Amino acid sequence: MALSFVRIDDRVIHGQLVTRWAKELPCDGIVAIDDEVAADALLASVMKGAIQDIPVWLFTVAQAIEKLPKVIASSKHYFVIGKSPVTLQHLAKAGIDLHNRYQRINVGPMSARADTVTIGPNQSVTAGECEAFDFLAARGYSIEFRLVPDAGCFSWQDAQKKMKPSA
């Protein structure tokens, strides 16, 4: 299976990805998916510059739908990073299978924004993101909230419990 790691991270590409995750898991290349980042030449250049010895591709969702089947069919090991669970939901709805070597979608930082609920350290979700996580979980994806490899983690089911008011 060519996907060794699937992650949601609102920073998309950053040094921690290489210094921590790429040292723990096989990584021959990184595919980052976000419409805004892919459309911004300066931001795309900065993100690609954050990673030195690993090839990086930045795609819009439409480009990813077209190109990910080739990535998945490869014999190499790729990280797929989406800025939001909604991004991965779009891919799954288009028939892209994001199951990976470790059988999970990892969730890193999702910063607090307007209309979010905090569910963990540096992890906040909107109602639309909750719907996307529900969609992905209903399709058999295990969703793990873990910022770095050696940190504690919790599941989407645990996160949902945190959002429900106590009786």
N, C-alpha and C. Protein backbone atom coordinates (compact mmCIF):
# COMPACT_ATOMS: atom_id res chain seq x y z
N MET A 1 0.84 -1.17 0.00
CA MET A 1 0.00 0.00 0.00
C MET A 1 0.89 1.24 0.00
N ALA A 2 0.67 2.15 -0.92
CA ALA A 2 1.55 3.30 -1.10
C ALA A 2 1.36 4.40 -0.06
N LEU A 3 0.19 4.50 0.53
CA LEU A 3 -0.01 5.53 1.54
C LEU A 3 0.48 5.00 2.88
N SER A 4 1.51 5.65 3.41
CA SER A 4 2.01 5.22 4.71
C SER A 4 1.44 6.06 5.84
N PHE A 5 0.86 7.24 5.50
CA PHE A 5 0.39 8.14 6.55
C PHE A 5 -0.60 9.11 5.93
N VAL A 6 -1.75 9.25 6.57
CA VAL A 6 -2.75 10.23 6.16
C VAL A 6 -3.01 11.12 7.36
N ARG A 7 -2.89 12.43 7.15
CA ARG A 7 -2.97 13.38 8.27
C ARG A 7 -3.81 14.59 7.90
N ILE A 8 -4.48 15.10 8.90
CA ILE A 8 -5.17 16.38 8.82
C ILE A 8 -4.38 17.34 9.70
N ASP A 9 -3.98 18.48 9.13
CA ASP A 9 -3.16 19.44 9.86
C ASP A 9 -3.39 20.81 9.25
N ASP A 10 -3.88 21.76 10.04
CA ASP A 10 -4.20 23.06 9.46
C ASP A 10 -2.97 23.86 9.04
N ARG A 11 -1.78 23.39 9.42
CA ARG A 11 -0.55 24.04 8.95
C ARG A 11 -0.09 23.42 7.64
N VAL A 12 -0.69 22.34 7.24
CA VAL A 12 -0.42 21.55 6.04
C VAL A 12 1.00 20.99 6.09
N ILE A 13 2.02 21.75 5.69
CA ILE A 13 3.40 21.25 5.70
C ILE A 13 4.21 22.14 6.63
N HIS A 14 5.01 21.49 7.48
CA HIS A 14 5.84 22.21 8.44
C HIS A 14 6.99 21.31 8.86
N GLY A 15 7.95 21.86 9.54
CA GLY A 15 9.15 21.11 9.92
C GLY A 15 8.87 19.91 10.79
N GLN A 16 7.89 20.00 11.67
CA GLN A 16 7.57 18.89 12.58
C GLN A 16 7.20 17.63 11.81
N LEU A 17 6.61 17.83 10.66
CA LEU A 17 6.22 16.69 9.83
C LEU A 17 7.43 15.83 9.50
N VAL A 18 8.54 16.49 9.18
CA VAL A 18 9.75 15.76 8.81
C VAL A 18 10.54 15.35 10.04
N THR A 19 10.68 16.26 11.01
CA THR A 19 11.51 15.94 12.16
C THR A 19 10.90 14.88 13.06
N ARG A 20 9.59 14.74 13.03
CA ARG A 20 8.95 13.76 13.91
C ARG A 20 8.31 12.61 13.13
N TRP A 21 7.32 12.90 12.29
CA TRP A 21 6.55 11.83 11.65
C TRP A 21 7.35 11.08 10.59
N ALA A 22 8.09 11.79 9.75
CA ALA A 22 8.83 11.11 8.68
C ALA A 22 9.98 10.27 9.22
N LYS A 23 10.39 10.50 10.44
CA LYS A 23 11.42 9.66 11.06
C LYS A 23 10.80 8.39 11.66
N GLU A 24 9.51 8.42 11.93
CA GLU A 24 8.81 7.27 12.52
C GLU A 24 8.20 6.35 11.46
N LEU A 25 7.81 6.93 10.33
CA LEU A 25 7.06 6.19 9.31
C LEU A 25 7.76 6.32 7.96
N PRO A 26 7.62 5.32 7.09
CA PRO A 26 8.26 5.42 5.78
C PRO A 26 7.66 6.57 4.96
N CYS A 27 8.55 7.36 4.33
CA CYS A 27 8.08 8.51 3.56
C CYS A 27 9.02 8.78 2.40
N ASP A 28 8.53 8.50 1.18
CA ASP A 28 9.29 8.81 -0.03
C ASP A 28 8.83 10.12 -0.65
N GLY A 29 7.69 10.64 -0.22
CA GLY A 29 7.16 11.88 -0.75
C GLY A 29 5.93 12.32 0.02
N ILE A 30 5.61 13.61 -0.08
CA ILE A 30 4.46 14.17 0.62
C ILE A 30 3.53 14.80 -0.39
N VAL A 31 2.25 14.44 -0.31
CA VAL A 31 1.22 15.05 -1.14
C VAL A 31 0.33 15.87 -0.21
N ALA A 32 0.38 17.18 -0.38
CA ALA A 32 -0.44 18.08 0.43
C ALA A 32 -1.61 18.56 -0.41
N ILE A 33 -2.79 18.60 0.22
CA ILE A 33 -4.00 18.92 -0.54
C ILE A 33 -4.76 20.04 0.16
N ASP A 34 -4.86 21.17 -0.54
CA ASP A 34 -5.65 22.29 -0.06
C ASP A 34 -5.81 23.28 -1.21
N ASP A 35 -7.03 23.65 -1.51
CA ASP A 35 -7.28 24.54 -2.63
C ASP A 35 -6.58 25.89 -2.47
N GLU A 36 -6.66 26.50 -1.30
CA GLU A 36 -6.06 27.82 -1.09
C GLU A 36 -4.54 27.78 -1.15
N VAL A 37 -3.94 26.81 -0.52
CA VAL A 37 -2.47 26.71 -0.52
C VAL A 37 -1.97 26.44 -1.94
N ALA A 38 -2.60 25.53 -2.65
CA ALA A 38 -2.17 25.19 -4.00
C ALA A 38 -2.31 26.37 -4.96
N ALA A 39 -3.27 27.26 -4.69
CA ALA A 39 -3.50 28.41 -5.56
C ALA A 39 -2.59 29.60 -5.24
N ASP A 40 -1.92 29.58 -4.12
CA ASP A 40 -1.07 30.69 -3.68
C ASP A 40 0.39 30.32 -3.94
N ALA A 41 0.98 30.87 -5.01
CA ALA A 41 2.33 30.50 -5.41
C ALA A 41 3.36 30.77 -4.31
N LEU A 42 3.23 31.89 -3.61
CA LEU A 42 4.19 32.21 -2.56
C LEU A 42 4.08 31.23 -1.40
N LEU A 43 2.86 30.99 -0.94
CA LEU A 43 2.66 30.04 0.17
C LEU A 43 3.09 28.64 -0.23
N ALA A 44 2.78 28.24 -1.45
CA ALA A 44 3.20 26.91 -1.93
C ALA A 44 4.72 26.80 -1.93
N SER A 45 5.40 27.86 -2.34
CA SER A 45 6.86 27.86 -2.36
C SER A 45 7.43 27.75 -0.94
N VAL A 46 6.83 28.47 -0.01
CA VAL A 46 7.28 28.41 1.39
C VAL A 46 7.08 27.00 1.94
N MET A 47 5.92 26.40 1.66
CA MET A 47 5.65 25.06 2.18
C MET A 47 6.61 24.04 1.58
N LYS A 48 6.84 24.12 0.29
CA LYS A 48 7.78 23.18 -0.34
C LYS A 48 9.19 23.38 0.22
N GLY A 49 9.53 24.62 0.55
CA GLY A 49 10.85 24.92 1.10
C GLY A 49 11.04 24.42 2.52
N ALA A 50 9.94 24.13 3.22
CA ALA A 50 10.03 23.64 4.60
C ALA A 50 10.55 22.21 4.67
N ILE A 51 10.49 21.50 3.57
CA ILE A 51 10.92 20.11 3.50
C ILE A 51 12.10 20.02 2.55
N GLN A 52 13.20 19.47 2.99
CA GLN A 52 14.40 19.46 2.17
C GLN A 52 14.59 18.18 1.36
N ASP A 53 14.71 17.06 1.95
CA ASP A 53 15.14 15.85 1.25
C ASP A 53 14.01 14.92 0.81
N ILE A 54 12.79 15.42 0.87
CA ILE A 54 11.64 14.60 0.49
C ILE A 54 10.84 15.38 -0.56
N PRO A 55 10.49 14.76 -1.69
CA PRO A 55 9.68 15.47 -2.68
C PRO A 55 8.30 15.84 -2.12
N VAL A 56 7.83 17.02 -2.52
CA VAL A 56 6.54 17.54 -2.06
C VAL A 56 5.71 17.96 -3.26
N TRP A 57 4.43 17.59 -3.25
CA TRP A 57 3.48 18.04 -4.26
C TRP A 57 2.32 18.72 -3.55
N LEU A 58 1.88 19.84 -4.07
CA LEU A 58 0.72 20.55 -3.54
C LEU A 58 -0.39 20.50 -4.59
N PHE A 59 -1.53 19.95 -4.20
CA PHE A 59 -2.64 19.80 -5.13
C PHE A 59 -3.89 20.48 -4.60
N THR A 60 -4.73 20.93 -5.53
CA THR A 60 -6.09 21.29 -5.17
C THR A 60 -6.84 19.97 -4.97
N VAL A 61 -8.04 20.05 -4.45
CA VAL A 61 -8.85 18.83 -4.29
C VAL A 61 -9.09 18.19 -5.65
N ALA A 62 -9.43 18.99 -6.66
CA ALA A 62 -9.69 18.44 -8.00
C ALA A 62 -8.44 17.75 -8.57
N GLN A 63 -7.28 18.36 -8.40
CA GLN A 63 -6.04 17.74 -8.87
C GLN A 63 -5.76 16.44 -8.12
N ALA A 64 -6.02 16.45 -6.81
CA ALA A 64 -5.78 15.25 -6.00
C ALA A 64 -6.69 14.10 -6.44
N ILE A 65 -7.93 14.40 -6.74
CA ILE A 65 -8.86 13.36 -7.21
C ILE A 65 -8.33 12.72 -8.48
N GLU A 66 -7.73 13.53 -9.33
CA GLU A 66 -7.17 13.03 -10.58
C GLU A 66 -5.86 12.25 -10.37
N LYS A 67 -4.99 12.75 -9.48
CA LYS A 67 -3.63 12.21 -9.38
C LYS A 67 -3.41 11.18 -8.28
N LEU A 68 -4.22 11.20 -7.23
CA LEU A 68 -3.99 10.27 -6.12
C LEU A 68 -4.07 8.79 -6.51
N PRO A 69 -4.95 8.39 -7.43
CA PRO A 69 -4.93 6.96 -7.79
C PRO A 69 -3.56 6.49 -8.27
N LYS A 70 -2.82 7.34 -8.99
CA LYS A 70 -1.47 6.97 -9.43
C LYS A 70 -0.52 6.89 -8.24
N VAL A 71 -0.67 7.82 -7.31
CA VAL A 71 0.16 7.82 -6.10
C VAL A 71 -0.09 6.54 -5.31
N ILE A 72 -1.36 6.21 -5.13
CA ILE A 72 -1.75 5.03 -4.35
C ILE A 72 -1.26 3.74 -5.01
N ALA A 73 -1.23 3.72 -6.33
CA ALA A 73 -0.78 2.53 -7.06
C ALA A 73 0.74 2.38 -7.06
N SER A 74 1.45 3.38 -6.62
CA SER A 74 2.91 3.36 -6.62
C SER A 74 3.45 2.37 -5.60
N SER A 75 4.70 1.98 -5.80
CA SER A 75 5.35 1.11 -4.81
C SER A 75 6.06 1.93 -3.73
N LYS A 76 6.07 3.23 -3.87
CA LYS A 76 6.71 4.10 -2.87
C LYS A 76 5.73 4.41 -1.75
N HIS A 77 6.26 5.00 -0.69
CA HIS A 77 5.46 5.33 0.50
C HIS A 77 5.23 6.83 0.56
N TYR A 78 3.97 7.22 0.55
CA TYR A 78 3.63 8.64 0.54
C TYR A 78 2.80 9.04 1.76
N PHE A 79 3.05 10.27 2.23
CA PHE A 79 2.19 10.91 3.21
C PHE A 79 1.17 11.72 2.42
N VAL A 80 -0.07 11.69 2.86
CA VAL A 80 -1.11 12.56 2.31
C VAL A 80 -1.56 13.46 3.45
N ILE A 81 -1.49 14.76 3.22
CA ILE A 81 -1.84 15.75 4.24
C ILE A 81 -2.96 16.62 3.71
N GLY A 82 -4.06 16.69 4.43
CA GLY A 82 -5.14 17.61 4.10
C GLY A 82 -5.26 18.66 5.19
N LYS A 83 -5.62 19.87 4.82
CA LYS A 83 -5.73 20.95 5.81
C LYS A 83 -6.93 20.76 6.71
N SER A 84 -7.93 20.03 6.23
CA SER A 84 -9.19 19.90 6.95
C SER A 84 -9.79 18.52 6.70
N PRO A 85 -10.61 18.03 7.64
CA PRO A 85 -11.30 16.76 7.37
C PRO A 85 -12.26 16.88 6.19
N VAL A 86 -12.72 18.09 5.92
CA VAL A 86 -13.62 18.30 4.78
C VAL A 86 -12.89 17.96 3.47
N THR A 87 -11.60 18.27 3.41
CA THR A 87 -10.79 17.92 2.24
C THR A 87 -10.79 16.41 2.03
N LEU A 88 -10.54 15.66 3.10
CA LEU A 88 -10.52 14.20 2.97
C LEU A 88 -11.91 13.64 2.66
N GLN A 89 -12.95 14.29 3.18
CA GLN A 89 -14.31 13.89 2.86
C GLN A 89 -14.56 14.03 1.36
N HIS A 90 -14.13 15.14 0.76
CA HIS A 90 -14.29 15.32 -0.69
C HIS A 90 -13.58 14.20 -1.46
N LEU A 91 -12.38 13.85 -1.02
CA LEU A 91 -11.64 12.79 -1.70
C LEU A 91 -12.38 11.45 -1.58
N ALA A 92 -12.85 11.14 -0.38
CA ALA A 92 -13.56 9.87 -0.16
C ALA A 92 -14.85 9.83 -0.98
N LYS A 93 -15.56 10.95 -1.05
CA LYS A 93 -16.79 10.99 -1.85
C LYS A 93 -16.50 10.77 -3.33
N ALA A 94 -15.30 11.14 -3.76
CA ALA A 94 -14.91 10.95 -5.16
C ALA A 94 -14.36 9.55 -5.42
N GLY A 95 -14.36 8.71 -4.39
CA GLY A 95 -13.93 7.33 -4.56
C GLY A 95 -12.46 7.07 -4.26
N ILE A 96 -11.76 8.05 -3.71
CA ILE A 96 -10.35 7.85 -3.36
C ILE A 96 -10.29 7.08 -2.04
N ASP A 97 -9.57 5.98 -2.06
CA ASP A 97 -9.42 5.14 -0.86
C ASP A 97 -8.20 5.62 -0.08
N LEU A 98 -8.44 6.18 1.09
CA LEU A 98 -7.36 6.72 1.92
C LEU A 98 -6.88 5.74 2.98
N HIS A 99 -7.31 4.49 2.91
CA HIS A 99 -6.78 3.52 3.86
C HIS A 99 -5.29 3.41 3.62
N ASN A 100 -4.56 3.29 4.68
CA ASN A 100 -3.11 3.34 4.59
C ASN A 100 -2.49 2.24 5.43
N ARG A 101 -1.20 2.19 5.36
CA ARG A 101 -0.43 1.14 6.03
C ARG A 101 -0.79 0.98 7.50
N TYR A 102 -1.08 2.09 8.18
CA TYR A 102 -1.34 2.04 9.61
C TYR A 102 -2.83 2.12 9.94
N GLN A 103 -3.66 2.07 8.91
CA GLN A 103 -5.12 1.97 9.06
C GLN A 103 -5.73 3.07 9.94
N ARG A 104 -5.22 4.30 9.76
CA ARG A 104 -5.79 5.39 10.53
C ARG A 104 -5.59 6.71 9.80
N ILE A 105 -6.44 7.65 10.14
CA ILE A 105 -6.24 9.04 9.75
C ILE A 105 -5.79 9.75 11.01
N ASN A 106 -4.63 10.35 10.93
CA ASN A 106 -4.07 11.09 12.06
C ASN A 106 -4.54 12.54 11.97
N VAL A 107 -4.90 13.10 13.12
CA VAL A 107 -5.30 14.50 13.16
C VAL A 107 -4.31 15.25 14.03
N GLY A 108 -3.66 16.23 13.44
CA GLY A 108 -2.74 17.11 14.15
C GLY A 108 -3.46 18.39 14.52
N PRO A 109 -2.73 19.50 14.51
CA PRO A 109 -3.33 20.77 14.91
C PRO A 109 -4.50 21.21 14.02
N MET A 110 -5.54 21.63 14.68
CA MET A 110 -6.70 22.29 14.06
C MET A 110 -7.01 23.46 14.98
N SER A 111 -6.46 24.61 14.64
CA SER A 111 -6.51 25.77 15.52
C SER A 111 -7.93 26.25 15.79
N ALA A 112 -8.07 26.90 16.95
CA ALA A 112 -9.36 27.50 17.31
C ALA A 112 -9.68 28.61 16.31
N ARG A 113 -10.92 28.64 15.88
CA ARG A 113 -11.44 29.63 14.94
C ARG A 113 -12.84 29.99 15.38
N ALA A 114 -13.48 30.89 14.67
CA ALA A 114 -14.86 31.22 14.99
C ALA A 114 -15.72 29.97 14.89
N ASP A 115 -16.63 29.83 15.82
CA ASP A 115 -17.61 28.72 15.81
C ASP A 115 -16.96 27.34 15.93
N THR A 116 -15.89 27.23 16.71
CA THR A 116 -15.30 25.92 16.94
C THR A 116 -15.50 25.49 18.38
N VAL A 117 -15.38 24.19 18.56
CA VAL A 117 -15.40 23.58 19.89
C VAL A 117 -14.03 22.93 20.08
N THR A 118 -13.39 23.19 21.22
CA THR A 118 -12.09 22.61 21.50
C THR A 118 -12.29 21.18 22.00
N ILE A 119 -11.57 20.25 21.37
CA ILE A 119 -11.69 18.84 21.76
C ILE A 119 -10.38 18.26 22.27
N GLY A 120 -9.29 19.01 22.12
CA GLY A 120 -7.99 18.55 22.57
C GLY A 120 -6.99 19.68 22.50
N PRO A 121 -5.75 19.41 22.88
CA PRO A 121 -4.74 20.47 22.82
C PRO A 121 -4.49 20.90 21.37
N ASN A 122 -4.74 22.17 21.10
CA ASN A 122 -4.59 22.72 19.75
C ASN A 122 -5.45 21.97 18.72
N GLN A 123 -6.62 21.52 19.16
CA GLN A 123 -7.53 20.80 18.27
C GLN A 123 -8.96 21.27 18.52
N SER A 124 -9.46 22.02 17.55
CA SER A 124 -10.81 22.55 17.62
C SER A 124 -11.53 22.24 16.31
N VAL A 125 -12.83 22.02 16.39
CA VAL A 125 -13.59 21.62 15.20
C VAL A 125 -14.86 22.47 15.04
N THR A 126 -15.23 22.66 13.78
CA THR A 126 -16.49 23.31 13.44
C THR A 126 -17.56 22.23 13.24
N ALA A 127 -18.79 22.65 13.11
CA ALA A 127 -19.88 21.69 12.84
C ALA A 127 -19.64 20.97 11.52
N GLY A 128 -19.18 21.67 10.50
CA GLY A 128 -18.90 21.04 9.21
C GLY A 128 -17.78 20.03 9.29
N GLU A 129 -16.78 20.31 10.11
CA GLU A 129 -15.68 19.36 10.29
C GLU A 129 -16.15 18.14 11.06
N CYS A 130 -17.04 18.33 12.01
CA CYS A 130 -17.62 17.18 12.73
C CYS A 130 -18.38 16.28 11.76
N GLU A 131 -19.14 16.88 10.86
CA GLU A 131 -19.86 16.10 9.84
C GLU A 131 -18.87 15.32 8.97
N ALA A 132 -17.75 15.96 8.61
CA ALA A 132 -16.75 15.28 7.79
C ALA A 132 -16.12 14.11 8.55
N PHE A 133 -15.81 14.31 9.84
CA PHE A 133 -15.27 13.21 10.64
C PHE A 133 -16.29 12.07 10.75
N ASP A 134 -17.56 12.40 10.96
CA ASP A 134 -18.61 11.37 11.00
C ASP A 134 -18.66 10.60 9.69
N PHE A 135 -18.58 11.31 8.58
CA PHE A 135 -18.60 10.69 7.25
C PHE A 135 -17.44 9.71 7.11
N LEU A 136 -16.24 10.16 7.47
CA LEU A 136 -15.05 9.31 7.34
C LEU A 136 -15.13 8.10 8.27
N ALA A 137 -15.57 8.32 9.50
CA ALA A 137 -15.69 7.21 10.46
C ALA A 137 -16.72 6.19 9.99
N ALA A 138 -17.81 6.66 9.41
CA ALA A 138 -18.86 5.75 8.91
C ALA A 138 -18.36 4.90 7.75
N ARG A 139 -17.30 5.33 7.09
CA ARG A 139 -16.73 4.56 5.99
C ARG A 139 -15.55 3.70 6.43
N GLY A 140 -15.40 3.54 7.74
CA GLY A 140 -14.41 2.61 8.26
C GLY A 140 -13.04 3.19 8.56
N TYR A 141 -12.90 4.50 8.46
CA TYR A 141 -11.61 5.10 8.79
C TYR A 141 -11.49 5.27 10.30
N SER A 142 -10.39 4.81 10.85
CA SER A 142 -10.07 5.03 12.25
C SER A 142 -9.44 6.42 12.35
N ILE A 143 -9.98 7.27 13.20
CA ILE A 143 -9.51 8.65 13.31
C ILE A 143 -8.86 8.84 14.67
N GLU A 144 -7.58 9.24 14.63
CA GLU A 144 -6.76 9.37 15.82
C GLU A 144 -6.25 10.80 15.94
N PHE A 145 -6.54 11.44 17.06
CA PHE A 145 -6.04 12.79 17.33
C PHE A 145 -4.73 12.65 18.09
N ARG A 146 -3.63 12.99 17.40
CA ARG A 146 -2.30 12.88 18.00
C ARG A 146 -1.41 13.91 17.31
N LEU A 147 -0.87 14.82 18.09
CA LEU A 147 -0.06 15.89 17.51
C LEU A 147 1.29 15.39 17.02
N VAL A 148 1.97 14.58 17.82
CA VAL A 148 3.29 14.05 17.46
C VAL A 148 3.32 12.56 17.83
N PRO A 149 4.25 11.79 17.25
CA PRO A 149 4.23 10.34 17.45
C PRO A 149 4.25 9.87 18.90
N ASP A 150 4.98 10.56 19.77
CA ASP A 150 5.10 10.07 21.14
C ASP A 150 4.12 10.73 22.10
N ALA A 151 3.14 11.46 21.59
CA ALA A 151 2.12 12.10 22.43
C ALA A 151 0.95 11.15 22.64
N GLY A 152 0.18 11.41 23.66
CA GLY A 152 -1.04 10.65 23.88
C GLY A 152 -2.02 10.92 22.75
N CYS A 153 -3.03 10.09 22.65
CA CYS A 153 -4.00 10.27 21.57
C CYS A 153 -5.40 9.92 22.06
N PHE A 154 -6.38 10.33 21.27
CA PHE A 154 -7.75 9.94 21.52
C PHE A 154 -8.45 9.77 20.18
N SER A 155 -9.53 9.05 20.18
CA SER A 155 -10.26 8.72 18.95
C SER A 155 -11.35 9.75 18.66
N TRP A 156 -11.92 9.68 17.50
CA TRP A 156 -13.05 10.52 17.16
C TRP A 156 -14.22 10.24 18.09
N GLN A 157 -14.44 8.98 18.45
CA GLN A 157 -15.50 8.63 19.38
C GLN A 157 -15.28 9.31 20.74
N ASP A 158 -14.03 9.34 21.21
CA ASP A 158 -13.70 10.03 22.46
C ASP A 158 -13.96 11.54 22.33
N ALA A 159 -13.59 12.11 21.18
CA ALA A 159 -13.80 13.53 20.95
C ALA A 159 -15.28 13.88 20.99
N GLN A 160 -16.10 13.02 20.40
CA GLN A 160 -17.54 13.27 20.40
C GLN A 160 -18.09 13.31 21.82
N LYS A 161 -17.58 12.47 22.69
CA LYS A 161 -18.03 12.47 24.09
C LYS A 161 -17.67 13.79 24.77
N LYS A 162 -16.52 14.34 24.44
CA LYS A 162 -16.09 15.61 25.02
C LYS A 162 -17.00 16.77 24.61
N MET A 163 -17.63 16.64 23.45
CA MET A 163 -18.47 17.72 22.94
C MET A 163 -19.89 17.68 23.49
N LYS A 164 -20.30 16.54 24.02
CA LYS A 164 -21.66 16.41 24.51
C LYS A 164 -21.75 16.97 25.94
N PRO A 165 -22.77 17.78 26.21
CA PRO A 165 -22.90 18.32 27.57
C PRO A 165 -23.20 17.20 28.56
N SER A 166 -22.69 17.36 29.77
CA SER A 166 -22.94 16.37 30.83
C SER A 166 -24.39 16.46 31.27
N ALA A 167 -24.93 15.34 31.67
CA ALA A 167 -26.33 15.31 32.10
C ALA A 167 -26.45 15.77 33.54
